[in-house]
């Protein structure tokens, strides 16, 4: 089973390598990822410029474009026989309303629009705390195994968020839950020379009981089925 892997942090991101490691236990991963960071570009696609594909070794391609460009070109030219599209592991959570801004999630959404199933995987982070990517690989493997075994439904993709846990914490529970509809609170800081910068405090976002923000913040793996159609 061929799996097209992408992300929005760029082809050299550690989270992508963690996803590749997990995907190798499930099928044949082929990486088609942005040449550089594309975080927060949402579902942008390149219309008025050329998009270049750069081979980066065996089954690895860097696309000089957005995550959605990667999926389009991957499915059209590089991996047309892919069975699933996997995006991530994003360096940071994509919870609730984040799915509308995230390039990680948009890559999967683009695949679903063209009839392919997909899974977006992200990892919550806290300032000053390092990721344990080896543990992330181990945690995501059974989740991916479960999701890849499910019947494919048109217009549906899965959004997975891993919590950030202390090194000695037990492996977290996997919880199926809805998206939290509340966005990050609006807040901007002003710089007299360069303008206004978004400065929302991720920790202060609303937590609807039982929704994905509360689940992930509470130390559990959130899995959400997102329907487009």
N, C-alpha and C. Protein backbone atom coordinates (compact mmCIF):
# COMPACT_ATOMS: atom_id res chain seq x y z
N UNK A 1 0.84 -1.19 0.00
CA UNK A 1 0.00 0.00 0.00
C UNK A 1 0.88 1.24 0.00
N UNK A 2 0.71 2.08 -1.01
CA UNK A 2 1.49 3.31 -1.08
C UNK A 2 0.79 4.42 -0.29
N UNK A 3 1.60 5.16 0.46
CA UNK A 3 1.11 6.26 1.28
C UNK A 3 1.84 7.53 0.88
N UNK A 4 1.10 8.56 0.51
CA UNK A 4 1.71 9.85 0.19
C UNK A 4 1.80 10.65 1.48
N UNK A 5 3.02 11.04 1.85
CA UNK A 5 3.26 11.79 3.09
C UNK A 5 3.66 13.21 2.77
N UNK A 6 3.08 14.15 3.51
CA UNK A 6 3.40 15.56 3.33
C UNK A 6 3.30 16.26 4.68
N UNK A 7 3.49 17.58 4.68
CA UNK A 7 3.37 18.36 5.92
C UNK A 7 3.34 19.84 5.56
N UNK A 8 3.42 20.71 6.57
CA UNK A 8 3.57 22.14 6.28
C UNK A 8 4.81 22.73 6.95
N UNK A 9 5.57 21.92 7.67
CA UNK A 9 6.79 22.38 8.31
C UNK A 9 8.02 22.23 7.41
N UNK A 10 7.86 21.61 6.26
CA UNK A 10 8.96 21.45 5.33
C UNK A 10 9.53 20.04 5.34
N UNK A 11 10.15 19.68 4.25
CA UNK A 11 10.60 18.31 4.04
C UNK A 11 11.67 17.87 5.04
N UNK A 12 12.38 18.81 5.65
CA UNK A 12 13.44 18.46 6.59
C UNK A 12 12.96 18.45 8.05
N UNK A 13 11.66 18.58 8.28
CA UNK A 13 11.14 18.67 9.64
C UNK A 13 11.22 17.32 10.37
N UNK A 14 11.53 17.38 11.65
CA UNK A 14 11.62 16.17 12.47
C UNK A 14 10.29 15.45 12.58
N UNK A 15 9.19 16.21 12.62
CA UNK A 15 7.88 15.59 12.72
C UNK A 15 7.53 14.75 11.51
N UNK A 16 7.96 15.19 10.34
CA UNK A 16 7.73 14.41 9.12
C UNK A 16 8.50 13.10 9.19
N UNK A 17 9.74 13.14 9.68
CA UNK A 17 10.52 11.91 9.81
C UNK A 17 9.86 10.94 10.79
N UNK A 18 9.25 11.47 11.85
CA UNK A 18 8.53 10.62 12.79
C UNK A 18 7.35 9.95 12.11
N UNK A 19 6.66 10.68 11.25
CA UNK A 19 5.53 10.10 10.52
C UNK A 19 6.00 9.06 9.52
N UNK A 20 7.12 9.33 8.86
CA UNK A 20 7.68 8.34 7.92
C UNK A 20 7.99 7.04 8.66
N UNK A 21 8.59 7.15 9.84
CA UNK A 21 8.92 5.95 10.62
C UNK A 21 7.68 5.15 10.96
N UNK A 22 6.62 5.85 11.33
CA UNK A 22 5.37 5.15 11.64
C UNK A 22 4.76 4.53 10.39
N UNK A 23 4.79 5.27 9.28
CA UNK A 23 4.16 4.80 8.05
C UNK A 23 4.86 3.57 7.47
N UNK A 24 6.15 3.42 7.73
CA UNK A 24 6.88 2.27 7.20
C UNK A 24 6.34 0.95 7.75
N UNK A 25 5.70 0.98 8.89
CA UNK A 25 5.13 -0.24 9.46
C UNK A 25 3.78 -0.57 8.83
N UNK A 26 3.25 0.35 8.02
CA UNK A 26 1.89 0.19 7.49
C UNK A 26 1.84 0.08 5.97
N UNK A 27 2.88 0.53 5.31
CA UNK A 27 2.88 0.51 3.85
C UNK A 27 4.16 1.10 3.32
N UNK A 28 4.11 1.63 2.11
CA UNK A 28 5.27 2.21 1.44
C UNK A 28 5.13 3.73 1.42
N UNK A 29 5.83 4.44 2.30
CA UNK A 29 5.69 5.90 2.32
C UNK A 29 6.50 6.58 1.22
N UNK A 30 5.86 7.52 0.55
CA UNK A 30 6.54 8.36 -0.44
C UNK A 30 6.31 9.81 -0.02
N UNK A 31 7.39 10.54 0.21
CA UNK A 31 7.32 11.90 0.73
C UNK A 31 7.23 12.90 -0.41
N UNK A 32 6.20 13.74 -0.36
CA UNK A 32 6.04 14.86 -1.29
C UNK A 32 5.70 16.06 -0.40
N UNK A 33 6.72 16.81 0.00
CA UNK A 33 6.54 17.83 1.03
C UNK A 33 7.13 19.16 0.58
N UNK A 34 6.69 20.25 1.21
CA UNK A 34 7.21 21.56 0.82
C UNK A 34 8.73 21.66 1.02
N UNK A 35 9.38 22.39 0.14
CA UNK A 35 10.83 22.56 0.23
C UNK A 35 11.23 23.32 1.48
N UNK A 36 10.35 24.18 1.97
CA UNK A 36 10.62 24.95 3.18
C UNK A 36 9.35 25.11 3.99
N UNK A 37 9.43 25.73 5.17
CA UNK A 37 8.27 25.87 6.04
C UNK A 37 7.11 26.59 5.37
N UNK A 38 5.91 26.07 5.56
CA UNK A 38 4.68 26.64 5.00
C UNK A 38 3.59 26.70 6.05
N UNK A 39 3.98 26.78 7.31
CA UNK A 39 3.01 26.74 8.39
C UNK A 39 2.02 27.91 8.30
N UNK A 40 0.75 27.60 8.50
CA UNK A 40 -0.28 28.63 8.53
C UNK A 40 -0.76 29.11 7.19
N UNK A 41 -0.36 28.47 6.09
CA UNK A 41 -0.80 28.93 4.77
C UNK A 41 -2.19 28.44 4.42
N UNK A 42 -2.76 27.59 5.28
CA UNK A 42 -4.09 27.04 5.06
C UNK A 42 -4.15 26.34 3.71
N UNK A 43 -5.20 26.62 2.91
CA UNK A 43 -5.43 25.88 1.67
C UNK A 43 -4.95 26.66 0.45
N UNK A 44 -3.94 27.49 0.64
CA UNK A 44 -3.41 28.26 -0.50
C UNK A 44 -2.83 27.32 -1.55
N UNK A 45 -3.05 27.67 -2.80
CA UNK A 45 -2.45 26.95 -3.93
C UNK A 45 -1.77 27.96 -4.85
N UNK A 46 -0.80 27.49 -5.61
CA UNK A 46 -0.03 28.37 -6.50
C UNK A 46 -0.73 28.46 -7.85
N UNK A 47 -1.15 29.67 -8.20
CA UNK A 47 -1.90 29.86 -9.44
C UNK A 47 -1.08 30.55 -10.53
N UNK A 48 -0.34 31.59 -10.18
CA UNK A 48 0.25 32.46 -11.18
C UNK A 48 1.76 32.29 -11.32
N UNK A 49 2.31 31.27 -10.69
CA UNK A 49 3.74 30.99 -10.80
C UNK A 49 3.93 29.50 -11.08
N UNK A 50 5.09 29.16 -11.60
CA UNK A 50 5.42 27.76 -11.78
C UNK A 50 5.77 27.11 -10.45
N UNK A 51 5.52 25.83 -10.35
CA UNK A 51 5.85 25.06 -9.14
C UNK A 51 6.89 24.01 -9.53
N UNK A 52 8.01 24.01 -8.84
CA UNK A 52 9.11 23.12 -9.18
C UNK A 52 9.15 21.92 -8.24
N UNK A 53 9.36 20.73 -8.80
CA UNK A 53 9.53 19.51 -8.03
C UNK A 53 11.01 19.15 -8.00
N UNK A 54 11.55 18.97 -6.82
CA UNK A 54 12.97 18.69 -6.65
C UNK A 54 13.17 17.31 -6.02
N UNK A 55 13.69 16.33 -6.73
CA UNK A 55 13.97 15.02 -6.11
C UNK A 55 14.96 15.16 -4.96
N UNK A 56 14.67 14.48 -3.86
CA UNK A 56 15.54 14.55 -2.68
C UNK A 56 15.97 13.15 -2.22
N UNK A 57 16.21 12.27 -3.18
CA UNK A 57 16.60 10.92 -2.82
C UNK A 57 15.48 9.94 -3.08
N UNK A 58 15.66 8.73 -2.59
CA UNK A 58 14.71 7.66 -2.85
C UNK A 58 13.35 7.95 -2.24
N UNK A 59 12.33 8.04 -3.07
CA UNK A 59 10.94 8.23 -2.64
C UNK A 59 10.74 9.50 -1.84
N UNK A 60 11.51 10.55 -2.18
CA UNK A 60 11.39 11.84 -1.51
C UNK A 60 11.43 12.95 -2.55
N UNK A 61 10.44 13.84 -2.47
CA UNK A 61 10.35 14.95 -3.41
C UNK A 61 10.02 16.23 -2.64
N UNK A 62 10.79 17.28 -2.89
CA UNK A 62 10.50 18.59 -2.31
C UNK A 62 9.78 19.43 -3.37
N UNK A 63 8.67 19.99 -2.98
CA UNK A 63 7.88 20.83 -3.88
C UNK A 63 8.04 22.29 -3.44
N UNK A 64 8.39 23.14 -4.37
CA UNK A 64 8.55 24.56 -4.06
C UNK A 64 7.17 25.23 -4.18
N UNK A 65 6.35 24.91 -3.19
CA UNK A 65 4.98 25.40 -3.17
C UNK A 65 4.35 25.10 -1.83
N UNK A 66 3.04 25.10 -1.78
CA UNK A 66 2.28 24.93 -0.54
C UNK A 66 1.97 23.45 -0.29
N UNK A 67 1.47 23.13 0.90
CA UNK A 67 1.04 21.74 1.15
C UNK A 67 -0.02 21.26 0.16
N UNK A 68 -0.97 22.13 -0.17
CA UNK A 68 -1.98 21.73 -1.16
C UNK A 68 -1.36 21.47 -2.52
N UNK A 69 -0.36 22.28 -2.90
CA UNK A 69 0.38 22.02 -4.15
C UNK A 69 1.03 20.65 -4.10
N UNK A 70 1.61 20.30 -2.96
CA UNK A 70 2.28 19.01 -2.81
C UNK A 70 1.32 17.86 -3.09
N UNK A 71 0.13 17.96 -2.54
CA UNK A 71 -0.85 16.89 -2.73
C UNK A 71 -1.32 16.84 -4.18
N UNK A 72 -1.59 17.98 -4.75
CA UNK A 72 -2.03 18.01 -6.15
C UNK A 72 -0.99 17.36 -7.07
N UNK A 73 0.26 17.79 -6.95
CA UNK A 73 1.30 17.26 -7.82
C UNK A 73 1.65 15.82 -7.45
N UNK A 74 1.58 15.51 -6.16
CA UNK A 74 1.84 14.14 -5.75
C UNK A 74 0.86 13.16 -6.35
N UNK A 75 -0.42 13.50 -6.27
CA UNK A 75 -1.45 12.60 -6.79
C UNK A 75 -1.50 12.60 -8.32
N UNK A 76 -1.15 13.71 -8.94
CA UNK A 76 -1.21 13.79 -10.39
C UNK A 76 0.00 13.15 -11.06
N UNK A 77 1.21 13.37 -10.48
CA UNK A 77 2.43 12.98 -11.19
C UNK A 77 3.31 11.97 -10.45
N UNK A 78 3.35 12.02 -9.13
CA UNK A 78 4.36 11.26 -8.41
C UNK A 78 3.83 9.98 -7.77
N UNK A 79 2.66 10.05 -7.17
CA UNK A 79 2.10 8.87 -6.49
C UNK A 79 0.61 8.74 -6.81
N UNK A 80 0.25 8.60 -8.08
CA UNK A 80 -1.18 8.53 -8.42
C UNK A 80 -1.87 7.29 -7.87
N UNK A 81 -1.08 6.28 -7.50
CA UNK A 81 -1.67 5.06 -6.95
C UNK A 81 -1.61 5.03 -5.43
N UNK A 82 -1.41 6.19 -4.80
CA UNK A 82 -1.46 6.25 -3.34
C UNK A 82 -2.84 5.85 -2.85
N UNK A 83 -2.88 5.13 -1.74
CA UNK A 83 -4.15 4.73 -1.14
C UNK A 83 -4.63 5.73 -0.10
N UNK A 84 -3.68 6.33 0.62
CA UNK A 84 -4.00 7.31 1.65
C UNK A 84 -3.01 8.45 1.59
N UNK A 85 -3.44 9.62 2.06
CA UNK A 85 -2.55 10.76 2.24
C UNK A 85 -2.43 11.01 3.74
N UNK A 86 -1.19 11.07 4.21
CA UNK A 86 -0.91 11.34 5.62
C UNK A 86 -0.14 12.65 5.70
N UNK A 87 -0.55 13.55 6.59
CA UNK A 87 0.09 14.85 6.70
C UNK A 87 0.52 15.11 8.14
N UNK A 88 1.78 15.53 8.33
CA UNK A 88 2.29 15.79 9.68
C UNK A 88 3.69 15.20 9.84
N UNK A 89 4.06 14.87 11.05
CA UNK A 89 3.41 15.26 12.28
C UNK A 89 3.71 16.74 12.49
N UNK A 90 2.68 17.56 12.59
CA UNK A 90 2.89 19.00 12.70
C UNK A 90 3.53 19.38 14.02
N UNK A 91 4.43 20.35 13.96
CA UNK A 91 5.09 20.87 15.16
C UNK A 91 4.15 21.88 15.82
N UNK A 92 3.19 21.40 16.55
CA UNK A 92 2.15 22.22 17.16
C UNK A 92 0.80 21.60 16.89
N UNK A 93 -0.15 21.83 17.80
CA UNK A 93 -1.47 21.24 17.67
C UNK A 93 -2.27 21.92 16.56
N UNK A 94 -3.23 21.20 16.02
CA UNK A 94 -4.23 21.75 15.11
C UNK A 94 -5.60 21.30 15.62
N UNK A 95 -6.10 22.07 16.59
CA UNK A 95 -7.32 21.72 17.30
C UNK A 95 -8.44 22.70 16.95
N UNK A 96 -9.66 22.20 16.96
CA UNK A 96 -10.81 23.06 16.76
C UNK A 96 -10.72 23.88 15.49
N UNK A 97 -10.91 25.21 15.64
CA UNK A 97 -10.91 26.10 14.49
C UNK A 97 -9.58 26.16 13.77
N UNK A 98 -8.51 25.63 14.38
CA UNK A 98 -7.20 25.61 13.71
C UNK A 98 -7.26 24.89 12.37
N UNK A 99 -8.19 23.96 12.22
CA UNK A 99 -8.23 23.18 10.97
C UNK A 99 -8.47 24.08 9.76
N UNK A 100 -9.02 25.28 9.98
CA UNK A 100 -9.27 26.19 8.87
C UNK A 100 -8.02 26.97 8.46
N UNK A 101 -7.04 27.07 9.35
CA UNK A 101 -5.82 27.84 9.07
C UNK A 101 -4.63 26.95 8.71
N UNK A 102 -4.69 25.71 9.11
CA UNK A 102 -3.53 24.82 9.07
C UNK A 102 -3.20 24.34 7.66
N UNK A 103 -1.93 24.46 7.28
CA UNK A 103 -1.47 23.84 6.04
C UNK A 103 -1.43 22.33 6.14
N UNK A 104 -1.13 21.82 7.33
CA UNK A 104 -1.12 20.37 7.56
C UNK A 104 -2.49 19.77 7.25
N UNK A 105 -3.52 20.38 7.79
CA UNK A 105 -4.88 19.88 7.57
C UNK A 105 -5.33 20.14 6.14
N UNK A 106 -4.95 21.28 5.58
CA UNK A 106 -5.35 21.60 4.21
C UNK A 106 -4.82 20.59 3.21
N UNK A 107 -3.64 20.04 3.46
CA UNK A 107 -3.09 19.03 2.55
C UNK A 107 -4.03 17.83 2.46
N UNK A 108 -4.53 17.40 3.60
CA UNK A 108 -5.46 16.27 3.62
C UNK A 108 -6.80 16.66 3.02
N UNK A 109 -7.25 17.87 3.32
CA UNK A 109 -8.52 18.34 2.76
C UNK A 109 -8.47 18.37 1.24
N UNK A 110 -7.33 18.80 0.68
CA UNK A 110 -7.16 18.81 -0.77
C UNK A 110 -7.28 17.40 -1.34
N UNK A 111 -6.67 16.44 -0.66
CA UNK A 111 -6.77 15.04 -1.12
C UNK A 111 -8.21 14.56 -1.12
N UNK A 112 -8.93 14.87 -0.05
CA UNK A 112 -10.33 14.41 0.06
C UNK A 112 -11.18 15.03 -1.05
N UNK A 113 -10.93 16.28 -1.39
CA UNK A 113 -11.68 16.92 -2.47
C UNK A 113 -11.53 16.18 -3.79
N UNK A 114 -10.38 15.52 -3.97
CA UNK A 114 -10.12 14.78 -5.21
C UNK A 114 -10.44 13.29 -5.09
N UNK A 115 -11.00 12.89 -3.96
CA UNK A 115 -11.45 11.52 -3.83
C UNK A 115 -10.54 10.58 -3.08
N UNK A 116 -9.44 11.07 -2.49
CA UNK A 116 -8.54 10.24 -1.70
C UNK A 116 -8.82 10.43 -0.20
N UNK A 117 -8.67 9.39 0.60
CA UNK A 117 -8.82 9.55 2.05
C UNK A 117 -7.54 10.07 2.68
N UNK A 118 -7.67 10.70 3.85
CA UNK A 118 -6.47 11.25 4.46
C UNK A 118 -6.56 11.41 5.96
N UNK A 119 -5.39 11.56 6.56
CA UNK A 119 -5.25 11.74 8.01
C UNK A 119 -4.24 12.84 8.26
N UNK A 120 -4.64 13.85 9.06
CA UNK A 120 -3.72 14.89 9.51
C UNK A 120 -3.32 14.59 10.95
N UNK A 121 -2.02 14.67 11.22
CA UNK A 121 -1.51 14.38 12.56
C UNK A 121 -0.70 15.58 13.06
N UNK A 122 -1.00 16.03 14.27
CA UNK A 122 -0.30 17.16 14.86
C UNK A 122 0.08 16.84 16.30
N UNK A 123 1.02 17.62 16.84
CA UNK A 123 1.54 17.36 18.18
C UNK A 123 1.54 18.66 18.98
N UNK A 124 0.74 18.69 20.03
CA UNK A 124 0.70 19.86 20.91
C UNK A 124 2.09 20.13 21.49
N UNK A 125 2.40 21.40 21.70
CA UNK A 125 3.70 21.74 22.25
C UNK A 125 3.55 22.83 23.32
N UNK A 126 4.54 22.90 24.17
CA UNK A 126 4.62 23.94 25.18
C UNK A 126 5.99 24.60 25.09
N UNK A 127 6.03 25.89 25.34
CA UNK A 127 7.30 26.62 25.24
C UNK A 127 8.33 26.03 26.18
N UNK A 128 9.52 25.80 25.64
CA UNK A 128 10.62 25.32 26.45
C UNK A 128 10.65 23.82 26.68
N UNK A 129 9.68 23.08 26.13
CA UNK A 129 9.62 21.63 26.30
C UNK A 129 9.93 20.98 24.96
N UNK A 130 10.89 20.10 24.92
CA UNK A 130 11.29 19.45 23.68
C UNK A 130 10.34 18.31 23.33
N UNK A 131 10.17 18.10 22.04
CA UNK A 131 9.39 16.95 21.57
C UNK A 131 10.18 15.66 21.78
N UNK A 132 9.47 14.59 22.03
CA UNK A 132 10.03 13.25 22.01
C UNK A 132 9.47 12.57 20.76
N UNK A 133 10.17 12.72 19.65
CA UNK A 133 9.64 12.23 18.37
C UNK A 133 9.61 10.71 18.32
N UNK A 134 10.52 10.06 19.01
CA UNK A 134 10.49 8.60 19.04
C UNK A 134 9.19 8.12 19.70
N UNK A 135 8.84 8.77 20.79
CA UNK A 135 7.59 8.41 21.46
C UNK A 135 6.39 8.76 20.59
N UNK A 136 6.45 9.89 19.90
CA UNK A 136 5.35 10.29 19.02
C UNK A 136 5.13 9.24 17.93
N UNK A 137 6.21 8.73 17.37
CA UNK A 137 6.08 7.67 16.37
C UNK A 137 5.37 6.46 16.95
N UNK A 138 5.79 6.07 18.14
CA UNK A 138 5.18 4.89 18.77
C UNK A 138 3.71 5.12 19.09
N UNK A 139 3.36 6.32 19.53
CA UNK A 139 1.97 6.60 19.88
C UNK A 139 1.06 6.66 18.67
N UNK A 140 1.58 7.18 17.57
CA UNK A 140 0.71 7.37 16.41
C UNK A 140 0.51 6.08 15.61
N UNK A 141 1.42 5.12 15.74
CA UNK A 141 1.31 3.90 14.95
C UNK A 141 -0.01 3.16 15.15
N UNK A 142 -0.46 2.88 16.38
CA UNK A 142 -1.74 2.17 16.52
C UNK A 142 -2.93 3.01 16.07
N UNK A 143 -2.83 4.32 16.20
CA UNK A 143 -3.92 5.19 15.73
C UNK A 143 -4.04 5.09 14.22
N UNK A 144 -2.91 5.19 13.52
CA UNK A 144 -2.94 5.07 12.07
C UNK A 144 -3.41 3.68 11.63
N UNK A 145 -2.95 2.65 12.33
CA UNK A 145 -3.38 1.29 12.00
C UNK A 145 -4.90 1.17 12.07
N UNK A 146 -5.49 1.73 13.10
CA UNK A 146 -6.94 1.69 13.27
C UNK A 146 -7.65 2.48 12.16
N UNK A 147 -7.17 3.66 11.86
CA UNK A 147 -7.85 4.51 10.88
C UNK A 147 -7.71 3.97 9.46
N UNK A 148 -6.54 3.43 9.12
CA UNK A 148 -6.35 2.89 7.78
C UNK A 148 -7.21 1.66 7.52
N UNK A 149 -7.64 1.00 8.58
CA UNK A 149 -8.47 -0.19 8.43
C UNK A 149 -9.95 0.15 8.27
N UNK A 150 -10.32 1.40 8.47
CA UNK A 150 -11.73 1.78 8.39
C UNK A 150 -12.17 1.92 6.94
N UNK A 151 -13.46 1.67 6.67
CA UNK A 151 -13.98 1.87 5.31
C UNK A 151 -13.81 3.33 4.89
N UNK A 152 -13.46 3.53 3.64
CA UNK A 152 -13.28 4.88 3.12
C UNK A 152 -14.63 5.52 2.86
N UNK A 153 -14.83 6.70 3.39
CA UNK A 153 -16.07 7.44 3.20
C UNK A 153 -15.79 8.71 2.41
N UNK A 154 -16.46 8.93 1.28
CA UNK A 154 -16.23 10.16 0.52
C UNK A 154 -16.49 11.40 1.38
N UNK A 155 -15.60 12.38 1.24
CA UNK A 155 -15.78 13.64 1.94
C UNK A 155 -15.39 13.63 3.40
N UNK A 156 -14.71 12.59 3.86
CA UNK A 156 -14.35 12.49 5.27
C UNK A 156 -12.84 12.33 5.42
N UNK A 157 -12.26 13.06 6.40
CA UNK A 157 -10.87 12.83 6.78
C UNK A 157 -10.77 12.85 8.30
N UNK A 158 -9.60 12.46 8.81
CA UNK A 158 -9.39 12.37 10.25
C UNK A 158 -8.34 13.37 10.70
N UNK A 159 -8.61 14.01 11.83
CA UNK A 159 -7.68 14.96 12.42
C UNK A 159 -7.24 14.43 13.78
N UNK A 160 -5.93 14.17 13.92
CA UNK A 160 -5.37 13.55 15.12
C UNK A 160 -4.42 14.54 15.80
N UNK A 161 -4.54 14.67 17.12
CA UNK A 161 -3.64 15.53 17.88
C UNK A 161 -3.05 14.77 19.06
N UNK A 162 -1.71 14.76 19.12
CA UNK A 162 -1.00 14.11 20.22
C UNK A 162 -0.75 15.13 21.33
N UNK A 163 -0.92 14.73 22.59
CA UNK A 163 -0.60 15.64 23.70
C UNK A 163 0.90 15.66 23.96
N UNK A 164 1.34 16.67 24.69
CA UNK A 164 2.73 16.72 25.14
C UNK A 164 2.76 16.27 26.59
N UNK A 165 3.45 15.17 26.85
CA UNK A 165 3.40 14.53 28.16
C UNK A 165 4.76 14.53 28.85
N UNK A 166 4.77 14.47 30.17
CA UNK A 166 6.04 14.30 30.88
C UNK A 166 6.69 12.98 30.48
N UNK A 167 8.02 12.90 30.55
CA UNK A 167 8.71 11.68 30.12
C UNK A 167 8.25 10.43 30.85
N UNK A 168 7.86 10.56 32.11
CA UNK A 168 7.48 9.39 32.89
C UNK A 168 5.99 9.11 32.88
N UNK A 169 5.23 9.83 32.06
CA UNK A 169 3.78 9.63 32.00
C UNK A 169 3.44 8.34 31.26
N UNK A 170 2.34 7.73 31.66
CA UNK A 170 1.85 6.54 30.96
C UNK A 170 1.36 6.93 29.57
N UNK A 171 1.31 5.95 28.67
CA UNK A 171 0.80 6.21 27.33
C UNK A 171 -0.65 6.69 27.42
N UNK A 172 -1.00 7.71 26.64
CA UNK A 172 -2.32 8.32 26.77
C UNK A 172 -3.43 7.51 26.12
N UNK A 173 -4.63 7.75 26.59
CA UNK A 173 -5.84 7.18 26.01
C UNK A 173 -6.14 7.87 24.68
N UNK A 174 -6.73 7.13 23.75
CA UNK A 174 -7.19 7.69 22.48
C UNK A 174 -8.69 7.97 22.62
N UNK A 175 -9.09 9.20 22.32
CA UNK A 175 -10.48 9.61 22.50
C UNK A 175 -11.02 10.17 21.18
N UNK A 176 -12.12 9.60 20.72
CA UNK A 176 -12.83 10.15 19.57
C UNK A 176 -13.70 11.31 20.07
N UNK A 177 -13.61 12.45 19.41
CA UNK A 177 -14.29 13.63 19.91
C UNK A 177 -14.55 14.62 18.77
N UNK A 178 -15.47 15.55 18.97
CA UNK A 178 -15.73 16.58 17.95
C UNK A 178 -14.71 17.70 18.02
N UNK A 179 -14.68 18.52 16.98
CA UNK A 179 -13.87 19.73 17.00
C UNK A 179 -14.49 20.74 17.95
N UNK A 180 -13.65 21.47 18.66
CA UNK A 180 -14.13 22.58 19.47
C UNK A 180 -14.39 23.76 18.53
N UNK A 181 -15.59 24.32 18.52
CA UNK A 181 -15.90 25.37 17.54
C UNK A 181 -15.28 26.73 17.84
N UNK A 182 -14.72 26.93 19.04
CA UNK A 182 -14.21 28.24 19.42
C UNK A 182 -12.78 28.45 18.91
N UNK A 183 -12.50 29.61 18.29
CA UNK A 183 -11.12 29.89 17.85
C UNK A 183 -10.28 30.43 19.00
N UNK A 184 -9.00 30.60 18.72
CA UNK A 184 -8.09 31.22 19.68
C UNK A 184 -8.54 32.66 19.92
N UNK A 185 -8.55 33.12 21.17
CA UNK A 185 -8.98 34.51 21.44
C UNK A 185 -8.15 35.52 20.64
N UNK A 186 -8.82 36.58 20.19
CA UNK A 186 -8.14 37.61 19.41
C UNK A 186 -7.22 38.45 20.30
N UNK A 187 -5.99 38.60 19.85
CA UNK A 187 -5.05 39.44 20.57
C UNK A 187 -3.88 39.77 19.64
N UNK A 188 -3.51 41.04 19.57
CA UNK A 188 -2.39 41.47 18.74
C UNK A 188 -1.47 42.38 19.56
N UNK A 189 -0.19 42.28 19.31
CA UNK A 189 0.75 43.23 19.91
C UNK A 189 1.21 44.20 18.84
N UNK A 190 1.49 45.41 19.27
CA UNK A 190 1.83 46.47 18.32
C UNK A 190 3.33 46.75 18.32
N UNK A 191 3.88 46.80 17.13
CA UNK A 191 5.26 47.21 16.95
C UNK A 191 5.23 48.49 16.11
N UNK A 192 5.79 49.57 16.65
CA UNK A 192 5.69 50.86 15.98
C UNK A 192 6.33 50.86 14.60
N UNK A 193 7.33 50.01 14.39
CA UNK A 193 8.03 50.02 13.11
C UNK A 193 7.39 49.09 12.08
N UNK A 194 6.93 47.94 12.53
CA UNK A 194 6.48 46.93 11.56
C UNK A 194 5.00 46.59 11.62
N UNK A 195 4.26 47.10 12.61
CA UNK A 195 2.83 46.88 12.61
C UNK A 195 2.33 45.97 13.71
N UNK A 196 1.27 45.24 13.42
CA UNK A 196 0.57 44.41 14.40
C UNK A 196 0.90 42.93 14.19
N UNK A 197 1.13 42.24 15.29
CA UNK A 197 1.45 40.81 15.25
C UNK A 197 0.45 40.04 16.10
N UNK A 198 -0.05 38.95 15.53
CA UNK A 198 -0.97 38.11 16.29
C UNK A 198 -0.26 37.56 17.52
N UNK A 199 -0.92 37.66 18.69
CA UNK A 199 -0.27 37.26 19.94
C UNK A 199 -1.24 36.51 20.84
N UNK A 200 -2.11 35.71 20.21
CA UNK A 200 -3.04 34.92 21.01
C UNK A 200 -2.32 33.90 21.88
N UNK A 201 -2.75 33.76 23.11
CA UNK A 201 -2.16 32.79 24.03
C UNK A 201 -2.89 31.47 23.88
N UNK A 202 -2.19 30.48 23.32
CA UNK A 202 -2.83 29.20 23.01
C UNK A 202 -3.41 28.55 24.26
N UNK A 203 -2.81 28.78 25.40
CA UNK A 203 -3.26 28.15 26.63
C UNK A 203 -4.59 28.71 27.12
N UNK A 204 -4.96 29.89 26.63
CA UNK A 204 -6.18 30.54 27.11
C UNK A 204 -7.40 30.26 26.24
N UNK A 205 -7.23 29.41 25.24
CA UNK A 205 -8.36 29.18 24.35
C UNK A 205 -9.49 28.44 25.06
N UNK A 206 -10.69 28.63 24.57
CA UNK A 206 -11.88 28.01 25.15
C UNK A 206 -11.78 26.49 25.06
N UNK A 207 -12.28 25.81 26.06
CA UNK A 207 -12.28 24.34 26.09
C UNK A 207 -13.71 23.83 26.28
N UNK A 208 -14.35 23.48 25.19
CA UNK A 208 -15.68 22.89 25.26
C UNK A 208 -15.56 21.48 25.85
N UNK A 209 -16.32 21.17 26.88
CA UNK A 209 -16.21 19.83 27.49
C UNK A 209 -16.42 18.72 26.45
N UNK A 210 -15.48 17.78 26.42
CA UNK A 210 -15.57 16.64 25.52
C UNK A 210 -15.09 16.87 24.11
N UNK A 211 -14.72 18.11 23.77
CA UNK A 211 -14.23 18.41 22.43
C UNK A 211 -12.70 18.29 22.39
N UNK A 212 -12.14 18.43 21.19
CA UNK A 212 -10.73 18.06 21.00
C UNK A 212 -9.74 18.90 21.79
N UNK A 213 -10.02 20.19 22.00
CA UNK A 213 -9.09 21.02 22.76
C UNK A 213 -8.95 20.50 24.19
N UNK A 214 -10.07 20.26 24.84
CA UNK A 214 -10.04 19.76 26.22
C UNK A 214 -9.37 18.39 26.28
N UNK A 215 -9.66 17.54 25.32
CA UNK A 215 -9.09 16.18 25.32
C UNK A 215 -7.57 16.23 25.21
N UNK A 216 -7.06 16.99 24.27
CA UNK A 216 -5.61 17.05 24.05
C UNK A 216 -4.91 17.80 25.19
N UNK A 217 -5.48 18.92 25.63
CA UNK A 217 -4.89 19.65 26.74
C UNK A 217 -4.87 18.80 28.01
N UNK A 218 -5.82 17.87 28.12
CA UNK A 218 -5.90 17.00 29.28
C UNK A 218 -5.00 15.79 29.21
N UNK A 219 -4.15 15.71 28.17
CA UNK A 219 -3.17 14.63 28.11
C UNK A 219 -3.61 13.39 27.37
N UNK A 220 -4.65 13.51 26.54
CA UNK A 220 -5.12 12.37 25.76
C UNK A 220 -4.98 12.65 24.27
N UNK A 221 -4.98 11.60 23.46
CA UNK A 221 -4.90 11.74 22.01
C UNK A 221 -6.30 11.98 21.48
N UNK A 222 -6.49 13.09 20.79
CA UNK A 222 -7.81 13.38 20.21
C UNK A 222 -7.85 12.91 18.76
N UNK A 223 -8.95 12.27 18.39
CA UNK A 223 -9.19 11.83 17.02
C UNK A 223 -10.57 12.34 16.62
N UNK A 224 -10.61 13.10 15.53
CA UNK A 224 -11.85 13.70 15.08
C UNK A 224 -12.10 13.36 13.62
N UNK A 225 -13.30 12.90 13.32
CA UNK A 225 -13.71 12.70 11.94
C UNK A 225 -14.30 14.01 11.42
N UNK A 226 -13.72 14.54 10.36
CA UNK A 226 -14.15 15.82 9.80
C UNK A 226 -14.80 15.56 8.44
N UNK A 227 -16.01 16.04 8.27
CA UNK A 227 -16.75 15.79 7.03
C UNK A 227 -16.83 17.08 6.21
N UNK A 228 -16.49 16.97 4.93
CA UNK A 228 -16.57 18.10 4.02
C UNK A 228 -17.88 18.12 3.28
N UNK A 229 -18.45 16.96 3.03
CA UNK A 229 -19.63 16.86 2.17
C UNK A 229 -20.81 16.30 2.94
